[in-house]
Amino acid sequence: MEAIVAAQREPNSRLRDIIDTVDCTYETLARDVRRIAAENGEILQTNKSAVSHWVNGNRTPSGRVGQYLAEALSRRAGRTITRTEIGLHAGEGEEPTESDPVLAVTHLGRADVERRRFLAIAAFTTAGVAMPLAHDHEATARMLRARTGTSLVGGEDVDVVRQITVAFSAADERLGGGHGLTTVTAYLADTAAPMLRGRFPSEALRRAAFGAVAELAYLAGWKHHDLGQEGAAQRYYQVGYQLACEADPHGHAAWMMRALAHQALSLKQPHHCVDLVEGALQRGLGHVDGRTEALLHITHARAYAATEENSSAARALLSAEDALLRDDGPQPSYSCVSGPAAGTVASHTARTLTDLADHVGTEQQHRDALTRWDPEKYKRVHALTHADLGDSLAAQARADEAVAAWTQAVVLMEGMTSDRTRKAITSMRSTLAIYQRRKVPGAADLARRAREALA
């Protein structure tokens, strides 16, 4: 159970008034807080009595619970509600605000290395998903150019950043997000981001430098996402978007908008996602190759399916398939990081069809995806895809095949430091318990493997 700390015994009228405004019960609000905590990797036992204590002033939320409470009320209200608005002090964990993305990504990287509190307790917010829709790129660009230093940056400097990103991305796929996170963020803060303050011999090289650092920020965000640290991941994606705007306000910026939407969809929080991906498509169409465009369309399809706009989801799926057939230029490095486009489209088509309750189609797409990914280079992708395949087979009451797919997933997950793989194992256990009682072949052995993997 989460800790609670004593407070002054004055009623928290601000919190009470906001709860009255959004018109929800204490029990409903407590459930919302528990769900948001779970999104951010924390299991709470918050109940209506805890909410009552907060309102009466007998207790105040501790740790990250205040953030979860503010986010729960924000979602109910349809606008951002801060902790100050509900009578809570931000405290020492308050995140510093910085409009300069170079300074912001430097602070994030150092906060990671130094284990600073604000990043450790950062929570994913639905309002944060929509950040690009209100971002003033022109003002940021003017500020960045005004802060140019004197050190000359060459092409070799940019190439090294890209090489490091490629190397750690490859390791991430095999070993999980926990491998090399501190090394990546230290390099980002101490070497890559400061490079952007230098003088560049050409505008093309300057854009390439910003693009390279944006890709490294994306990798840091992706690592946090894989570890279930969604608040930190969202912060890196946001600053990666700002840097990408300086590199390429069309294709690369669109890709980072997709990253924010992808994260929200994986957390089953589709708010703003349709608008965000539509904005990404408006930026990217005509400026990206067919494979990158397909990846934007498939995220659009997932956003539509998550909001039960089924006919729009079907049209977006067709758009993704059509774009994938185009061979009109090289795929940029920022979208190559997701692996073979055909495999990614198949995987996300499967997730879209899952939301549409088409389990047969889901199975077919997962099997197609497995043929598209190199099993050695993309070991985690194969593991998670086998887990998803098992889910789709279980949904079709094909128990033996589900156990076989899940067993393959658990075997591949051995040695990985990844919260996503742990969640995949956890999600199969309730069905496995049923299979054990029915004495499905292999279920007991798989249940044992699952327990050992989570120990």
Protein backbone atom coordinates (compact mmCIF):
# COMPACT_ATOMS: atom_id res chain seq x y z
CA MET A 1 0.00 0.00 0.00
CA GLU A 2 1.28 3.46 -0.85
CA ALA A 3 2.64 5.60 1.93
CA ILE A 4 0.59 8.47 3.30
CA VAL A 5 1.94 11.28 5.38
CA ALA A 6 0.33 13.39 8.03
CA ALA A 7 -0.80 16.85 7.01
CA GLN A 8 -2.34 19.89 8.62
CA ARG A 9 -5.94 19.12 9.54
CA GLU A 10 -7.42 21.84 7.35
CA PRO A 11 -9.80 20.50 4.69
CA ASN A 12 -8.38 20.63 1.17
CA SER A 13 -11.12 22.77 -0.36
CA ARG A 14 -9.33 23.04 -3.70
CA LEU A 15 -9.30 19.29 -4.13
CA ARG A 16 -12.91 18.98 -3.00
CA ASP A 17 -14.05 21.65 -5.45
CA ILE A 18 -12.26 20.05 -8.40
CA ILE A 19 -13.75 16.64 -7.57
CA ASP A 20 -17.19 18.26 -7.41
CA THR A 21 -16.59 19.96 -10.75
CA VAL A 22 -15.66 16.75 -12.57
CA ASP A 23 -18.57 15.01 -10.87
CA CYS A 24 -16.99 11.70 -9.87
CA THR A 25 -17.23 9.66 -6.71
CA TYR A 26 -14.31 9.02 -4.39
CA GLU A 27 -14.43 5.35 -5.36
CA THR A 28 -14.24 6.18 -9.06
CA LEU A 29 -11.38 8.61 -8.48
CA ALA A 30 -9.48 6.03 -6.44
CA ARG A 31 -9.87 3.53 -9.29
CA ASP A 32 -8.56 6.12 -11.76
CA VAL A 33 -5.52 6.77 -9.55
CA ARG A 34 -4.77 3.03 -9.34
CA ARG A 35 -5.02 2.67 -13.12
CA ILE A 36 -2.71 5.62 -13.81
CA ALA A 37 -0.22 4.30 -11.27
CA ALA A 38 -0.25 0.96 -13.08
CA GLU A 39 0.45 2.74 -16.39
CA ASN A 40 3.57 4.11 -14.73
CA GLY A 41 4.71 0.78 -13.32
CA GLU A 42 3.44 1.19 -9.74
CA ILE A 43 0.83 -0.94 -7.98
CA LEU A 44 -1.27 0.99 -5.46
CA GLN A 45 -4.15 0.05 -3.17
CA THR A 46 -5.75 3.51 -3.16
CA ASN A 47 -9.40 3.38 -2.11
CA LYS A 48 -12.22 5.83 -1.43
CA SER A 49 -11.11 6.19 2.21
CA ALA A 50 -7.72 7.49 1.07
CA VAL A 51 -9.42 10.07 -1.16
CA SER A 52 -11.62 11.10 1.77
CA HIS A 53 -8.55 11.59 3.95
CA TRP A 54 -6.96 13.80 1.26
CA VAL A 55 -10.08 15.95 0.96
CA ASN A 56 -10.49 16.27 4.72
CA GLY A 57 -6.85 17.26 5.13
CA ASN A 58 -6.06 14.35 7.45
CA ARG A 59 -3.50 12.96 4.98
CA THR A 60 -1.75 14.10 1.84
CA PRO A 61 -0.60 11.90 -1.08
CA SER A 62 3.07 10.96 -0.98
CA GLY A 63 5.57 9.94 -3.62
CA ARG A 64 4.08 10.04 -7.10
CA VAL A 65 0.49 9.68 -5.91
CA GLY A 66 -0.11 13.42 -6.11
CA GLN A 67 0.87 13.34 -9.78
CA TYR A 68 -1.46 10.42 -10.43
CA LEU A 69 -4.29 12.25 -8.67
CA ALA A 70 -3.76 15.39 -10.76
CA GLU A 71 -3.62 13.33 -13.95
CA ALA A 72 -6.81 11.43 -13.02
CA LEU A 73 -8.66 14.70 -12.49
CA SER A 74 -7.17 16.15 -15.70
CA ARG A 75 -8.58 13.26 -17.72
CA ARG A 76 -11.97 13.70 -16.12
CA ALA A 77 -11.97 17.46 -16.69
CA GLY A 78 -10.61 17.37 -20.24
CA ARG A 79 -7.92 19.91 -19.35
CA THR A 80 -4.63 19.99 -17.47
CA ILE A 81 -5.05 20.24 -13.69
CA THR A 82 -1.84 20.87 -11.76
CA ARG A 83 -0.99 19.70 -8.27
CA THR A 84 -1.09 23.31 -7.12
CA GLU A 85 -4.69 23.60 -8.32
CA ILE A 86 -5.72 20.73 -6.06
CA GLY A 87 -3.90 22.12 -3.03
CA LEU A 88 -0.78 19.98 -3.21
CA HIS A 89 2.78 21.26 -3.09
CA ALA A 90 5.03 20.09 -5.91
CA GLY A 91 7.94 19.64 -3.51
CA GLU A 92 11.53 18.80 -4.35
CA GLY A 93 10.52 16.42 -7.09
CA GLU A 94 9.11 19.19 -9.28
CA GLU A 95 10.35 18.92 -12.84
CA PRO A 96 12.33 21.96 -14.06
CA THR A 97 10.79 23.69 -17.06
CA GLU A 98 13.05 24.59 -19.97
CA SER A 99 11.96 25.99 -23.32
CA ASP A 100 15.38 25.42 -24.91
CA PRO A 101 15.40 21.78 -26.12
CA VAL A 102 19.21 21.59 -26.03
CA LEU A 103 19.23 22.51 -22.35
CA ALA A 104 16.17 20.34 -21.73
CA VAL A 105 17.73 17.19 -23.19
CA THR A 106 20.98 17.93 -21.31
CA HIS A 107 19.04 18.19 -18.04
CA LEU A 108 17.15 14.99 -18.78
CA GLY A 109 20.32 13.05 -19.53
CA ARG A 110 22.07 14.29 -16.40
CA ALA A 111 18.98 13.59 -14.32
CA ASP A 112 19.10 9.99 -15.55
CA VAL A 113 22.77 9.59 -14.72
CA GLU A 114 22.41 11.26 -11.32
CA ARG A 115 19.11 9.51 -10.53
CA ARG A 116 17.40 12.83 -9.85
CA ARG A 117 14.03 12.67 -8.19
CA PHE A 118 11.98 14.63 -10.72
CA LEU A 119 12.72 12.13 -13.50
CA ALA A 120 12.36 9.10 -11.23
CA ILE A 121 8.84 10.16 -10.23
CA ALA A 122 7.76 11.60 -13.61
CA ALA A 123 4.32 10.36 -14.65
CA PHE A 124 2.92 9.88 -18.14
CA THR A 125 0.16 12.42 -18.87
CA THR A 126 -2.47 12.51 -21.59
CA ALA A 127 -1.92 16.27 -21.92
CA GLY A 128 1.74 15.56 -22.72
CA VAL A 129 0.70 13.50 -25.74
CA ALA A 130 -0.69 16.64 -27.38
CA MET A 131 2.42 18.77 -26.79
CA PRO A 132 3.44 18.94 -30.48
CA LEU A 133 0.05 20.35 -31.45
CA ALA A 134 0.76 23.53 -29.45
CA HIS A 135 4.53 23.75 -29.97
CA ASP A 136 5.85 27.06 -31.38
CA HIS A 137 8.75 25.86 -33.49
CA GLU A 138 9.60 29.26 -34.94
CA ALA A 139 10.15 30.80 -31.51
CA THR A 140 12.32 27.86 -30.47
CA ALA A 141 14.34 28.07 -33.69
CA ARG A 142 15.05 31.77 -33.14
CA MET A 143 16.22 31.08 -29.60
CA LEU A 144 18.49 28.23 -30.67
CA ARG A 145 20.20 30.29 -33.36
CA ALA A 146 20.73 33.12 -30.91
CA ARG A 147 22.57 30.74 -28.58
CA THR A 148 25.15 29.48 -31.08
CA GLY A 149 28.64 29.08 -29.62
CA THR A 150 32.10 29.27 -31.16
CA SER A 151 33.28 25.64 -31.40
CA LEU A 152 33.32 24.29 -34.95
CA VAL A 153 31.42 21.03 -35.47
CA GLY A 154 32.43 18.68 -38.27
CA GLY A 155 30.79 15.80 -40.05
CA GLU A 156 32.79 13.28 -38.03
CA ASP A 157 31.21 14.55 -34.81
CA VAL A 158 27.73 13.89 -36.19
CA ASP A 159 28.73 10.50 -37.58
CA VAL A 160 29.91 9.34 -34.16
CA VAL A 161 26.55 10.21 -32.59
CA ARG A 162 24.80 8.16 -35.26
CA GLN A 163 27.18 5.22 -34.82
CA ILE A 164 26.59 5.17 -31.06
CA THR A 165 22.82 5.31 -31.58
CA VAL A 166 22.93 2.39 -34.03
CA ALA A 167 25.12 0.30 -31.72
CA PHE A 168 22.99 0.80 -28.62
CA SER A 169 19.75 0.35 -30.57
CA ALA A 170 20.99 -3.05 -31.70
CA ALA A 171 21.96 -4.03 -28.16
CA ASP A 172 18.60 -2.79 -26.89
CA GLU A 173 16.76 -5.23 -29.17
CA ARG A 174 18.74 -8.19 -27.90
CA LEU A 175 19.16 -7.34 -24.20
CA GLY A 176 16.30 -4.97 -23.34
CA GLY A 177 15.93 -1.34 -22.40
CA GLY A 178 17.85 -1.66 -19.14
CA HIS A 179 21.08 -2.44 -20.99
CA GLY A 180 23.26 0.64 -21.47
CA LEU A 181 20.67 3.23 -20.44
CA THR A 182 23.08 5.19 -18.24
CA THR A 183 25.78 5.12 -20.92
CA VAL A 184 23.36 6.42 -23.56
CA THR A 185 22.01 9.23 -21.39
CA ALA A 186 25.47 10.25 -20.18
CA TYR A 187 26.71 10.54 -23.75
CA LEU A 188 23.56 12.42 -24.71
CA ALA A 189 24.03 14.97 -21.91
CA ASP A 190 27.80 15.36 -21.94
CA THR A 191 28.71 15.11 -25.63
CA ALA A 192 25.84 14.94 -28.10
CA ALA A 193 23.60 17.77 -26.85
CA PRO A 194 26.46 20.26 -26.22
CA MET A 195 27.55 19.72 -29.84
CA LEU A 196 24.37 21.51 -30.94
CA ARG A 197 25.69 24.76 -29.47
CA GLY A 198 28.56 24.78 -31.95
CA ARG A 199 29.08 26.47 -35.32
CA PHE A 200 28.39 24.40 -38.42
CA PRO A 201 30.05 24.88 -41.82
CA SER A 202 26.71 24.36 -43.56
CA GLU A 203 22.99 24.37 -42.83
CA ALA A 204 22.79 20.77 -44.03
CA LEU A 205 25.28 19.64 -41.38
CA ARG A 206 23.47 21.62 -38.69
CA ARG A 207 20.22 19.88 -39.58
CA ALA A 208 21.98 16.51 -39.60
CA ALA A 209 23.39 17.19 -36.13
CA PHE A 210 20.00 18.06 -34.68
CA GLY A 211 18.55 14.97 -36.34
CA ALA A 212 21.25 12.72 -34.89
CA VAL A 213 20.70 14.01 -31.35
CA ALA A 214 16.92 13.71 -31.78
CA GLU A 215 17.40 10.04 -32.68
CA LEU A 216 19.56 9.49 -29.60
CA ALA A 217 16.89 11.17 -27.44
CA TYR A 218 14.31 8.88 -29.01
CA LEU A 219 16.45 5.87 -28.10
CA ALA A 220 16.66 7.07 -24.48
CA GLY A 221 12.88 7.44 -24.44
CA TRP A 222 12.40 4.02 -25.99
CA LYS A 223 14.63 2.45 -23.35
CA HIS A 224 12.56 4.02 -20.58
CA HIS A 225 9.37 2.83 -22.31
CA ASP A 226 10.71 -0.71 -22.43
CA LEU A 227 11.44 -0.48 -18.70
CA GLY A 228 7.91 0.74 -17.95
CA GLN A 229 9.14 4.21 -16.94
CA GLU A 230 6.55 5.98 -19.04
CA GLY A 231 6.84 9.48 -17.60
CA ALA A 232 10.56 9.64 -18.37
CA ALA A 233 9.96 8.15 -21.82
CA GLN A 234 7.40 10.81 -22.62
CA ARG A 235 9.80 13.61 -21.60
CA TYR A 236 12.49 12.28 -23.95
CA TYR A 237 10.00 11.91 -26.80
CA GLN A 238 8.82 15.49 -26.31
CA VAL A 239 12.31 16.96 -26.40
CA GLY A 240 13.18 14.63 -29.28
CA TYR A 241 10.26 16.13 -31.18
CA GLN A 242 11.56 19.66 -30.55
CA LEU A 243 15.03 18.73 -31.79
CA ALA A 244 13.56 16.93 -34.81
CA CYS A 245 11.68 20.10 -35.78
CA GLU A 246 15.03 21.86 -36.11
CA ALA A 247 16.42 19.00 -38.24
CA ASP A 248 13.42 18.34 -40.47
CA PRO A 249 10.06 19.92 -39.58
CA HIS A 250 8.32 17.58 -42.00
CA GLY A 251 9.37 13.94 -41.92
CA HIS A 252 11.42 13.69 -38.74
CA ALA A 253 9.03 15.85 -36.72
CA ALA A 254 6.15 13.70 -37.97
CA TRP A 255 8.01 10.60 -36.82
CA MET A 256 8.40 11.94 -33.29
CA MET A 257 4.70 12.82 -33.19
CA ARG A 258 4.10 9.18 -34.07
CA ALA A 259 6.37 8.13 -31.18
CA LEU A 260 4.25 10.04 -28.67
CA ALA A 261 1.06 8.56 -30.10
CA HIS A 262 2.53 5.05 -30.17
CA GLN A 263 3.41 5.26 -26.48
CA ALA A 264 -0.07 6.48 -25.55
CA LEU A 265 -1.72 3.71 -27.59
CA SER A 266 0.44 1.07 -25.92
CA LEU A 267 -0.87 2.38 -22.58
CA LYS A 268 -4.45 2.30 -23.88
CA GLN A 269 -4.74 6.08 -23.59
CA PRO A 270 -5.89 7.13 -27.08
CA HIS A 271 -6.78 10.72 -26.11
CA HIS A 272 -5.32 13.14 -28.69
CA CYS A 273 -3.82 10.27 -30.71
CA VAL A 274 -6.02 10.64 -33.79
CA ASP A 275 -5.35 14.40 -33.92
CA LEU A 276 -1.65 13.87 -33.30
CA VAL A 277 -1.20 11.29 -36.08
CA GLU A 278 -3.32 13.35 -38.47
CA GLY A 279 -0.96 16.24 -37.74
CA ALA A 280 2.00 13.94 -38.40
CA LEU A 281 0.53 12.89 -41.74
CA GLN A 282 -0.10 16.50 -42.75
CA ARG A 283 3.55 17.27 -42.03
CA GLY A 284 4.99 14.14 -43.57
CA LEU A 285 3.00 13.42 -46.73
CA GLY A 286 5.03 14.40 -49.76
CA HIS A 287 8.21 14.57 -47.69
CA VAL A 288 8.79 10.93 -46.69
CA ASP A 289 9.30 7.65 -48.52
CA GLY A 290 6.59 5.02 -48.84
CA ARG A 291 7.81 2.85 -45.96
CA THR A 292 7.91 5.74 -43.50
CA GLU A 293 4.50 6.88 -44.69
CA ALA A 294 3.15 3.36 -44.16
CA LEU A 295 4.35 3.48 -40.55
CA LEU A 296 2.46 6.75 -40.03
CA HIS A 297 -0.71 5.32 -41.57
CA ILE A 298 -0.58 2.16 -39.47
CA THR A 299 -0.35 4.25 -36.29
CA HIS A 300 -3.34 6.22 -37.58
CA ALA A 301 -5.21 2.92 -37.95
CA ARG A 302 -4.39 1.92 -34.38
CA ALA A 303 -5.58 5.30 -33.08
CA TYR A 304 -8.87 4.95 -34.93
CA ALA A 305 -9.38 1.38 -33.70
CA ALA A 306 -8.65 2.42 -30.12
CA THR A 307 -11.38 5.06 -30.35
CA GLU A 308 -13.82 2.60 -32.00
CA GLU A 309 -13.83 4.41 -35.34
CA ASN A 310 -13.74 1.10 -37.17
CA SER A 311 -14.41 2.22 -40.74
CA SER A 312 -11.71 4.88 -40.48
CA ALA A 313 -9.33 2.28 -39.07
CA ALA A 314 -9.99 0.03 -42.07
CA ARG A 315 -9.25 2.87 -44.50
CA ALA A 316 -6.02 3.68 -42.69
CA LEU A 317 -4.97 0.02 -42.90
CA LEU A 318 -5.44 0.13 -46.67
CA SER A 319 -3.45 3.37 -46.88
CA ALA A 320 -0.59 1.70 -45.00
CA GLU A 321 -0.61 -1.26 -47.39
CA ASP A 322 -0.63 1.05 -50.43
CA ALA A 323 2.21 3.20 -49.11
CA LEU A 324 4.29 0.12 -48.31
CA LEU A 325 4.20 -0.88 -52.00
CA ARG A 326 5.83 2.38 -53.08
CA ASP A 327 9.56 2.24 -53.74
CA ASP A 328 10.34 5.91 -54.05
CA GLY A 329 13.52 6.56 -52.17
CA PRO A 330 15.70 5.51 -49.23
CA GLN A 331 14.16 5.17 -45.79
CA PRO A 332 15.61 7.71 -43.32
CA SER A 333 17.56 6.52 -40.30
CA TYR A 334 14.98 7.85 -37.84
CA SER A 335 12.30 5.44 -39.10
CA CYS A 336 14.70 2.58 -39.87
CA VAL A 337 15.24 2.29 -36.11
CA SER A 338 11.87 0.50 -35.84
CA GLY A 339 13.16 -2.34 -38.02
CA PRO A 340 11.81 -3.65 -41.34
CA ALA A 341 8.78 -1.53 -42.25
CA ALA A 342 6.81 -4.53 -43.52
CA GLY A 343 7.29 -6.30 -40.20
CA THR A 344 6.25 -3.25 -38.20
CA VAL A 345 3.17 -2.74 -40.37
CA ALA A 346 2.19 -6.40 -39.90
CA SER A 347 2.69 -6.17 -36.12
CA HIS A 348 0.61 -3.03 -35.80
CA THR A 349 -2.03 -4.34 -38.18
CA ALA A 350 -2.34 -7.26 -35.76
CA ARG A 351 -2.80 -4.88 -32.83
CA THR A 352 -5.39 -2.91 -34.79
CA LEU A 353 -7.30 -6.10 -35.59
CA THR A 354 -7.12 -7.10 -31.92
CA ASP A 355 -8.97 -3.90 -31.04
CA LEU A 356 -11.47 -4.77 -33.78
CA ALA A 357 -11.89 -8.27 -32.22
CA ASP A 358 -10.68 -10.00 -35.41
CA HIS A 359 -8.63 -12.75 -33.77
CA VAL A 360 -8.15 -14.80 -36.94
CA GLY A 361 -6.80 -11.76 -38.78
CA THR A 362 -4.64 -10.93 -35.76
CA GLU A 363 -3.10 -14.40 -35.83
CA GLN A 364 -2.34 -14.15 -39.55
CA GLN A 365 -0.64 -10.77 -39.16
CA HIS A 366 1.48 -11.93 -36.21
CA ARG A 367 2.64 -14.95 -38.22
CA ASP A 368 3.45 -12.67 -41.16
CA ALA A 369 5.39 -10.33 -38.86
CA LEU A 370 7.53 -13.20 -37.57
CA THR A 371 8.72 -13.91 -41.11
CA ARG A 372 9.79 -10.28 -41.57
CA TRP A 373 12.09 -9.89 -38.56
CA ASP A 374 15.59 -11.35 -38.22
CA PRO A 375 15.23 -13.51 -35.08
CA GLU A 376 18.78 -12.80 -33.90
CA LYS A 377 18.85 -9.07 -34.58
CA TYR A 378 15.31 -8.50 -33.29
CA LYS A 379 15.12 -11.03 -30.49
CA ARG A 380 12.79 -8.95 -28.27
CA VAL A 381 10.41 -8.29 -31.17
CA HIS A 382 10.20 -12.03 -31.82
CA ALA A 383 9.60 -12.71 -28.12
CA LEU A 384 6.78 -10.17 -27.82
CA THR A 385 5.25 -11.24 -31.13
CA HIS A 386 5.16 -14.88 -29.99
CA ALA A 387 3.47 -13.71 -26.79
CA ASP A 388 0.88 -11.75 -28.78
CA LEU A 389 0.39 -14.71 -31.12
CA GLY A 390 -0.31 -16.89 -28.10
CA ASP A 391 -2.93 -14.39 -26.93
CA SER A 392 -4.69 -14.50 -30.30
CA LEU A 393 -4.65 -18.32 -30.32
CA ALA A 394 -6.02 -18.43 -26.77
CA ALA A 395 -8.82 -16.09 -27.85
CA GLN A 396 -9.72 -18.70 -30.49
CA ALA A 397 -9.75 -21.51 -27.86
CA ARG A 398 -6.68 -23.17 -29.41
CA ALA A 399 -5.01 -23.97 -26.13
CA ASP A 400 -2.23 -26.31 -27.30
CA GLU A 401 -1.02 -23.82 -29.90
CA ALA A 402 -1.25 -20.93 -27.44
CA VAL A 403 0.96 -22.79 -24.96
CA ALA A 404 3.50 -23.51 -27.71
CA ALA A 405 3.64 -19.84 -28.78
CA TRP A 406 3.91 -18.60 -25.19
CA THR A 407 6.65 -21.13 -24.44
CA GLN A 408 8.68 -19.85 -27.36
CA ALA A 409 8.16 -16.29 -26.09
CA VAL A 410 9.37 -17.09 -22.57
CA VAL A 411 12.44 -18.88 -23.90
CA LEU A 412 13.38 -15.86 -26.03
CA MET A 413 12.85 -13.47 -23.11
CA GLU A 414 15.53 -15.08 -20.95
CA GLY A 415 18.28 -12.62 -20.01
CA MET A 416 16.38 -9.49 -21.07
CA THR A 417 15.98 -6.43 -18.83
CA SER A 418 12.58 -5.34 -20.07
CA ASP A 419 9.36 -4.45 -18.32
CA ARG A 420 7.41 -5.17 -21.51
CA THR A 421 8.55 -8.78 -21.52
CA ARG A 422 7.66 -9.12 -17.82
CA LYS A 423 4.18 -7.74 -18.50
CA ALA A 424 3.73 -10.18 -21.38
CA ILE A 425 4.59 -13.08 -19.09
CA THR A 426 2.31 -11.78 -16.35
CA SER A 427 -0.62 -11.40 -18.75
CA MET A 428 -0.54 -15.05 -19.82
CA ARG A 429 -0.60 -16.48 -16.29
CA SER A 430 -4.35 -16.26 -15.62
CA THR A 431 -5.16 -18.22 -18.79
CA LEU A 432 -2.35 -20.65 -17.99
CA ALA A 433 -3.95 -21.36 -14.63
CA ILE A 434 -7.12 -22.45 -16.45
CA TYR A 435 -5.08 -24.57 -18.86
CA GLN A 436 -3.34 -26.26 -15.93
CA ARG A 437 -6.67 -27.25 -14.39
CA ARG A 438 -7.72 -28.63 -17.77
CA LYS A 439 -4.36 -30.45 -18.00
CA VAL A 440 -3.45 -28.89 -21.34
CA PRO A 441 -0.08 -30.42 -22.40
CA GLY A 442 2.84 -28.15 -21.54
CA ALA A 443 0.79 -25.72 -19.43
CA ALA A 444 2.25 -26.79 -16.08
CA ASP A 445 5.83 -26.55 -17.34
CA LEU A 446 5.16 -23.14 -18.88
CA ALA A 447 3.57 -21.90 -15.65
CA ARG A 448 6.72 -22.94 -13.80
CA ARG A 449 8.91 -21.13 -16.34
CA ALA A 450 6.74 -18.03 -16.00
CA ARG A 451 7.07 -18.03 -12.19
CA GLU A 452 10.84 -18.38 -12.44
CA ALA A 453 11.06 -15.58 -15.02
CA LEU A 454 9.15 -13.20 -12.75
CA ALA A 455 10.96 -14.19 -9.54
